[in-house]
Protein backbone atom coordinates (compact mmCIF):
# COMPACT_ATOMS: atom_id res chain seq x y z
CA UNK A 1 0.00 0.00 0.00
CA UNK A 2 1.13 3.54 -0.73
CA UNK A 3 1.30 5.70 2.41
CA UNK A 4 -0.78 8.85 2.59
CA UNK A 5 1.36 11.93 1.99
CA UNK A 6 3.54 10.21 -0.61
CA UNK A 7 4.42 12.01 -3.82
CA UNK A 8 2.99 9.90 -6.64
CA UNK A 9 3.74 10.10 -10.37
CA UNK A 10 0.80 9.34 -12.66
CA UNK A 11 1.77 8.35 -16.23
CA UNK A 12 -0.91 8.42 -18.93
CA UNK A 13 -0.94 6.34 -22.15
CA UNK A 14 0.16 9.53 -23.96
CA UNK A 15 3.27 9.45 -21.74
CA UNK A 16 2.18 12.57 -19.90
CA UNK A 17 3.60 12.61 -16.37
CA UNK A 18 1.85 14.24 -13.41
CA UNK A 19 3.24 14.44 -9.88
CA UNK A 20 0.81 14.79 -7.01
CA UNK A 21 0.82 14.27 -3.24
CA UNK A 22 -1.52 11.47 -2.20
CA UNK A 23 -4.03 12.86 0.34
CA UNK A 24 -7.34 11.40 1.61
CA UNK A 25 -10.26 12.61 -0.49
CA UNK A 26 -7.99 14.40 -2.99
CA UNK A 27 -8.80 12.45 -6.15
CA UNK A 28 -6.55 12.88 -9.19
CA UNK A 29 -8.30 14.41 -12.18
CA UNK A 30 -7.16 14.84 -15.77
CA UNK A 31 -8.51 14.69 -19.32
CA UNK A 32 -8.23 10.90 -18.97
CA UNK A 33 -10.75 10.89 -16.13
CA UNK A 34 -10.83 10.75 -12.34
CA UNK A 35 -8.71 8.40 -10.25
CA UNK A 36 -9.81 7.88 -6.65
CA UNK A 37 -7.22 8.60 -3.96
CA UNK A 38 -8.47 5.57 -2.00
CA UNK A 39 -7.85 3.35 -5.04
CA UNK A 40 -4.27 4.57 -5.39
CA UNK A 41 -3.59 4.21 -1.65
CA UNK A 42 -4.56 0.53 -1.81
CA UNK A 43 -2.00 -0.18 -4.55
CA UNK A 44 1.77 -0.55 -4.58
CA UNK A 45 4.11 1.51 -6.71
CA UNK A 46 4.73 -0.04 -10.11
CA UNK A 47 1.11 -1.07 -10.69
CA UNK A 48 -1.75 0.31 -12.80
CA UNK A 49 -5.05 1.92 -11.88
CA UNK A 50 -8.02 2.86 -14.07
CA UNK A 51 -9.83 6.16 -14.13
CA UNK A 52 -13.61 6.32 -14.04
CA UNK A 53 -13.55 6.38 -17.86
CA UNK A 54 -11.51 3.16 -18.00
CA UNK A 55 -8.15 4.71 -19.02
CA UNK A 56 -5.18 2.83 -17.49
CA UNK A 57 -2.70 4.96 -15.54
CA UNK A 58 0.76 3.88 -14.36
CA UNK A 59 1.46 4.52 -10.67
CA UNK A 60 5.08 5.36 -9.85
CA UNK A 61 7.07 6.62 -6.89
CA UNK A 62 8.57 10.08 -7.36
CA UNK A 63 12.36 10.08 -7.74
CA UNK A 64 14.72 13.00 -7.21
CA UNK A 65 14.59 13.62 -10.96
CA UNK A 66 10.79 13.81 -10.80
CA UNK A 67 11.01 16.30 -7.93
CA UNK A 68 13.34 18.53 -9.94
CA UNK A 69 10.97 18.41 -12.89
CA UNK A 70 7.94 19.15 -10.71
CA UNK A 71 9.02 22.18 -8.67
CA UNK A 72 7.32 25.51 -9.19
CA UNK A 73 9.52 27.93 -11.10
CA UNK A 74 9.81 31.65 -11.57
CA UNK A 75 13.30 31.51 -13.08
CA UNK A 76 15.25 29.04 -15.21
CA UNK A 77 16.51 26.25 -12.97
CA UNK A 78 19.76 24.38 -13.51
CA UNK A 79 19.20 21.30 -15.67
CA UNK A 80 19.27 17.89 -14.00
CA UNK A 81 22.26 16.80 -16.12
CA UNK A 82 24.26 19.73 -14.74
CA UNK A 83 22.99 19.27 -11.18
CA UNK A 84 24.27 15.68 -11.17
CA UNK A 85 27.78 16.80 -12.13
CA UNK A 86 27.73 19.68 -9.66
CA UNK A 87 26.78 17.46 -6.71
CA UNK A 88 29.44 14.91 -7.68
CA UNK A 89 32.22 17.49 -8.13
CA UNK A 90 31.35 19.29 -4.89
CA UNK A 91 31.43 16.01 -3.01
CA UNK A 92 27.92 16.53 -1.63
CA UNK A 93 27.26 13.85 0.96
CA UNK A 94 26.73 13.09 4.65
CA UNK A 95 28.37 15.44 7.17
CA UNK A 96 29.21 18.01 4.47
CA UNK A 97 28.45 21.73 4.59
CA UNK A 98 27.76 23.14 1.12
CA UNK A 99 27.32 26.85 0.36
CA UNK A 100 25.52 28.08 -2.75
CA UNK A 101 24.64 31.55 -4.00
CA UNK A 102 21.80 32.22 -6.37
CA UNK A 103 19.24 29.69 -5.14
CA UNK A 104 16.53 30.88 -7.53
CA UNK A 105 13.71 28.33 -7.54
CA UNK A 106 15.76 25.96 -5.42
CA UNK A 107 16.47 23.19 -7.92
CA UNK A 108 20.12 22.72 -6.97
CA UNK A 109 19.23 23.44 -3.33
CA UNK A 110 16.77 20.55 -3.38
CA UNK A 111 19.36 18.15 -4.81
CA UNK A 112 22.05 19.24 -2.35
CA UNK A 113 19.58 18.78 0.52
CA UNK A 114 18.87 15.26 -0.71
CA UNK A 115 22.54 14.27 -0.96
CA UNK A 116 23.93 15.75 2.27
CA UNK A 117 21.12 14.16 4.26
CA UNK A 118 20.27 14.77 7.92
CA UNK A 119 23.93 14.98 9.00
CA UNK A 120 24.87 17.60 6.39
CA UNK A 121 23.97 21.24 5.87
CA UNK A 122 23.20 23.50 2.92
CA UNK A 123 23.57 27.28 3.21
CA UNK A 124 21.78 28.91 0.29
CA UNK A 125 22.10 32.65 -0.42
CA UNK A 126 20.04 34.92 -2.63
CA UNK A 127 19.62 38.68 -2.73
CA UNK A 128 15.91 38.47 -3.61
CA UNK A 129 13.46 37.47 -0.86
CA UNK A 130 10.80 36.29 -3.33
CA UNK A 131 13.20 33.62 -4.61
CA UNK A 132 14.05 32.48 -1.10
CA UNK A 133 10.33 32.18 -0.34
CA UNK A 134 9.74 30.10 -3.46
CA UNK A 135 12.77 27.89 -2.77
CA UNK A 136 11.44 27.15 0.72
CA UNK A 137 8.01 26.36 -0.71
CA UNK A 138 9.56 23.91 -3.20
CA UNK A 139 11.68 22.26 -0.52
CA UNK A 140 8.64 21.79 1.72
CA UNK A 141 6.66 20.36 -1.19
CA UNK A 142 9.42 17.85 -1.92
CA UNK A 143 9.66 16.79 1.72
CA UNK A 144 13.22 18.10 1.96
CA UNK A 145 14.95 21.17 3.36
CA UNK A 146 15.22 20.48 7.09
CA UNK A 147 18.99 20.70 6.55
CA UNK A 148 18.80 23.90 4.46
CA UNK A 149 19.25 27.45 5.72
CA UNK A 150 18.03 30.08 3.25
CA UNK A 151 19.76 33.42 3.72
CA UNK A 152 18.89 36.79 2.21
CA UNK A 153 22.24 38.48 1.70
CA UNK A 154 24.29 40.41 -0.82
CA UNK A 155 27.35 38.19 -1.21
CA UNK A 156 29.44 41.22 -2.13
CA UNK A 157 29.53 41.71 1.66
CA UNK A 158 30.81 38.17 2.18
CA UNK A 159 29.08 34.98 3.24
CA UNK A 160 29.72 35.26 6.98
CA UNK A 161 30.62 31.56 6.82
CA UNK A 162 33.91 29.80 7.47
CA UNK A 163 35.14 26.27 6.88
CA UNK A 164 32.52 25.11 4.37
CA UNK A 165 33.38 21.90 2.51
CA UNK A 166 32.42 23.27 -0.91
CA UNK A 167 30.81 26.30 -2.53
CA UNK A 168 28.87 26.90 -5.74
CA UNK A 169 28.14 30.24 -7.42
CA UNK A 170 25.36 30.65 -9.96
CA UNK A 171 25.73 34.41 -10.43
CA UNK A 172 26.26 36.64 -13.43
CA UNK A 173 29.68 38.00 -12.43
CA UNK A 174 31.33 35.28 -10.32
CA UNK A 175 34.84 36.72 -10.77
CA UNK A 176 33.84 39.60 -8.50
CA UNK A 177 33.13 37.27 -5.57
CA UNK A 178 36.08 34.90 -5.58
CA UNK A 179 37.66 36.47 -2.48
CA UNK A 180 34.37 36.15 -0.61
CA UNK A 181 34.02 32.54 -1.76
CA UNK A 182 37.56 31.57 -0.74
CA UNK A 183 37.03 33.12 2.69
CA UNK A 184 33.96 30.92 3.24
CA UNK A 185 35.53 27.52 2.55
CA UNK A 186 38.12 25.35 4.23
CA UNK A 187 41.59 24.83 2.73
CA UNK A 188 41.45 22.43 -0.19
CA UNK A 189 37.71 22.88 -0.75
CA UNK A 190 36.12 22.64 -4.18
CA UNK A 191 34.50 25.70 -5.74
CA UNK A 192 32.05 25.48 -8.62
CA UNK A 193 30.57 28.04 -11.00
CA UNK A 194 27.91 28.09 -13.73
CA UNK A 195 27.89 30.73 -16.48
CA UNK A 196 26.23 30.64 -19.91
CA UNK A 197 28.73 32.50 -22.12
CA UNK A 198 32.37 32.20 -23.17
CA UNK A 199 33.37 35.75 -22.20
CA UNK A 200 32.17 35.07 -18.63
CA UNK A 201 34.37 31.96 -18.51
CA UNK A 202 37.37 33.97 -19.74
CA UNK A 203 36.93 36.63 -17.06
CA UNK A 204 36.63 33.97 -14.39
CA UNK A 205 39.79 32.20 -15.57
CA UNK A 206 41.71 35.47 -15.55
CA UNK A 207 40.55 36.10 -11.98
CA UNK A 208 41.83 32.65 -10.95
CA UNK A 209 45.38 33.59 -11.93
CA UNK A 210 45.81 35.86 -8.91
CA UNK A 211 44.19 33.48 -6.41
CA UNK A 212 45.18 30.32 -4.61
CA UNK A 213 43.36 27.84 -6.82
CA UNK A 214 44.35 24.76 -8.81
CA UNK A 215 42.87 21.85 -10.78
CA UNK A 216 40.74 24.18 -12.90
CA UNK A 217 38.18 22.49 -15.13
CA UNK A 218 35.85 23.98 -17.74
CA UNK A 219 33.28 21.82 -19.49
CA UNK A 220 29.71 21.59 -20.71
CA UNK A 221 27.35 18.61 -20.75
CA UNK A 222 25.29 17.66 -23.79
CA UNK A 223 22.48 15.11 -23.43
CA UNK A 224 21.23 13.26 -26.49
CA UNK A 225 18.54 10.64 -26.04
CA UNK A 226 18.19 7.68 -28.40
CA UNK A 227 14.94 6.15 -29.59
CA UNK A 228 14.62 2.91 -27.57
CA UNK A 229 13.49 0.67 -30.44
CA UNK A 230 15.63 -2.47 -30.62
CA UNK A 231 15.53 -2.96 -34.41
CA UNK A 232 15.66 0.77 -35.30
CA UNK A 233 17.96 2.26 -32.68
CA UNK A 234 18.98 5.81 -33.57
CA UNK A 235 19.32 9.24 -31.91
CA UNK A 236 16.32 11.44 -31.27
CA UNK A 237 15.92 14.39 -33.60
CA UNK A 238 16.27 16.84 -30.70
CA UNK A 239 18.67 17.02 -27.79
CA UNK A 240 19.47 19.07 -24.72
CA UNK A 241 22.67 20.75 -25.82
CA UNK A 242 24.41 23.79 -24.32
CA UNK A 243 22.79 24.95 -21.09
CA UNK A 244 25.86 26.51 -19.50
CA UNK A 245 29.56 26.16 -18.78
CA UNK A 246 30.55 24.41 -15.57
CA UNK A 247 33.81 25.58 -14.00
CA UNK A 248 35.43 23.90 -11.00
CA UNK A 249 38.62 24.50 -9.05
CA UNK A 250 40.18 23.76 -5.67
CA UNK A 251 41.37 26.21 -3.06
CA UNK A 252 45.05 25.33 -3.16
CA UNK A 253 48.36 27.15 -2.77
CA UNK A 254 50.64 26.34 -5.71
CA UNK A 255 54.29 27.46 -5.47
CA UNK A 256 56.52 28.42 -8.38
CA UNK A 257 58.70 25.46 -7.43
CA UNK A 258 55.76 23.12 -8.06
CA UNK A 259 55.06 24.84 -11.38
CA UNK A 260 58.69 24.58 -12.46
CA UNK A 261 58.67 20.83 -11.87
CA UNK A 262 55.84 20.37 -14.35
CA UNK A 263 56.97 19.14 -17.78
CA UNK A 264 56.50 21.87 -20.39
CA UNK A 265 56.41 21.62 -24.15
CA UNK A 266 56.50 24.56 -26.55
CA UNK A 267 52.80 25.29 -26.08
CA UNK A 268 52.99 25.15 -22.29
CA UNK A 269 56.03 27.46 -22.22
CA UNK A 270 54.21 30.02 -24.36
CA UNK A 271 51.13 29.79 -22.14
CA UNK A 272 53.26 30.25 -19.02
CA UNK A 273 55.04 33.26 -20.53
CA UNK A 274 51.69 34.84 -21.33
CA UNK A 275 50.49 34.13 -17.79
CA UNK A 276 53.56 35.78 -16.30
CA UNK A 277 52.98 38.85 -18.48
CA UNK A 278 49.40 39.11 -17.26
CA UNK A 279 50.49 38.72 -13.64
CA UNK A 280 53.18 41.38 -14.05
CA UNK A 281 50.65 43.78 -15.52
CA UNK A 282 48.21 43.03 -12.70
CA UNK A 283 50.84 43.62 -10.00
CA UNK A 284 51.97 46.87 -11.63
CA UNK A 285 48.37 48.12 -11.40
CA UNK A 286 47.99 46.78 -7.85
CA UNK A 287 51.38 47.27 -6.15
CA UNK A 288 50.05 46.35 -2.69
CA UNK A 289 48.80 42.95 -3.86
CA UNK A 290 51.15 40.00 -4.20
CA UNK A 291 50.89 37.18 -6.71
CA UNK A 292 48.68 34.44 -5.30
CA UNK A 293 50.61 31.65 -6.97
CA UNK A 294 54.22 32.81 -6.94
CA UNK A 295 55.38 31.74 -3.51
CA UNK A 296 53.19 33.75 -1.12
CA UNK A 297 50.25 31.76 0.30
CA UNK A 298 48.86 34.83 2.02
CA UNK A 299 45.89 37.08 1.34
CA UNK A 300 45.62 38.94 -1.93
CA UNK A 301 43.13 41.68 -1.22
CA UNK A 302 39.57 42.06 -2.40
CA UNK A 303 38.05 43.15 -5.67
CA UNK A 304 35.48 45.91 -5.50
CA UNK A 305 32.17 44.17 -6.03
CA UNK A 306 28.74 45.55 -6.87
CA UNK A 307 25.56 44.06 -5.51
CA UNK A 308 25.18 40.37 -6.29
CA UNK A 309 23.27 39.80 -9.50
CA UNK A 310 21.92 36.29 -9.32
CA UNK A 311 21.57 34.31 -12.53
CA UNK A 312 19.26 31.46 -11.65
CA UNK A 313 15.69 31.73 -12.81
CA UNK A 314 12.33 30.13 -12.21
CA UNK A 315 9.82 29.63 -15.00
């Protein structure tokens, strides 16, 4: 039997999916007819039920993917394919404290809450109270969020957090908040970023050059489904292609000695020479700031930052 209060997915013969909480007296209604709540409660997940018009409906248990698809949106949420990679790269799991900025509708927040579990914690920041309110509503609807603290704050003023295990920024100008992000995490923590355009990635990479970061990755994820027909297997005509660039790095001091031990070909030597030129130009414009990765593991000042402009959206 399916417990009252469960989130149930109803799948119609047209492959339409509906997610609904099972409550006494709250019958499910669609163009395929009415399905009694009592009938569904007396079934197990994975079975069928018939509406009053005789249409068969598949009864399924809601997964995390279903929850992400079913949340109420006012802005564009991060796609599930990207959320999976983000949670994996951040190491989201039990006993972890994860910070994110730009919660939007709470899609990533919901997934992080799921993965860190009751022993972990998610600190989610947004400058707009209406988004925080919606994120909390979605977390409550999904039966998650007891481990989530939603905070209204302009991250230009810092996170007022120390020692977090990982941090993710979904903001329009993440390069302006790197100092604030580094101050919020423990040494060796992973930082992640999501931006939609190439010029944003370039500005972020340039900002990394004067900070204590290493193991920088930039990638995008493309998802192409195939038609599941055994004797005519081929790709679908449409796919979920570019939805954003994912950038990850670690808080890590890297000395010039370590860099000099790396094998360098012609390309790497040219890239290093160009990097040194950029660093020299940066230090000449900022004489009080030392090079983050040239032997001094200390602090490298702060960039002036405008008010946080969060990127995430809810539709």
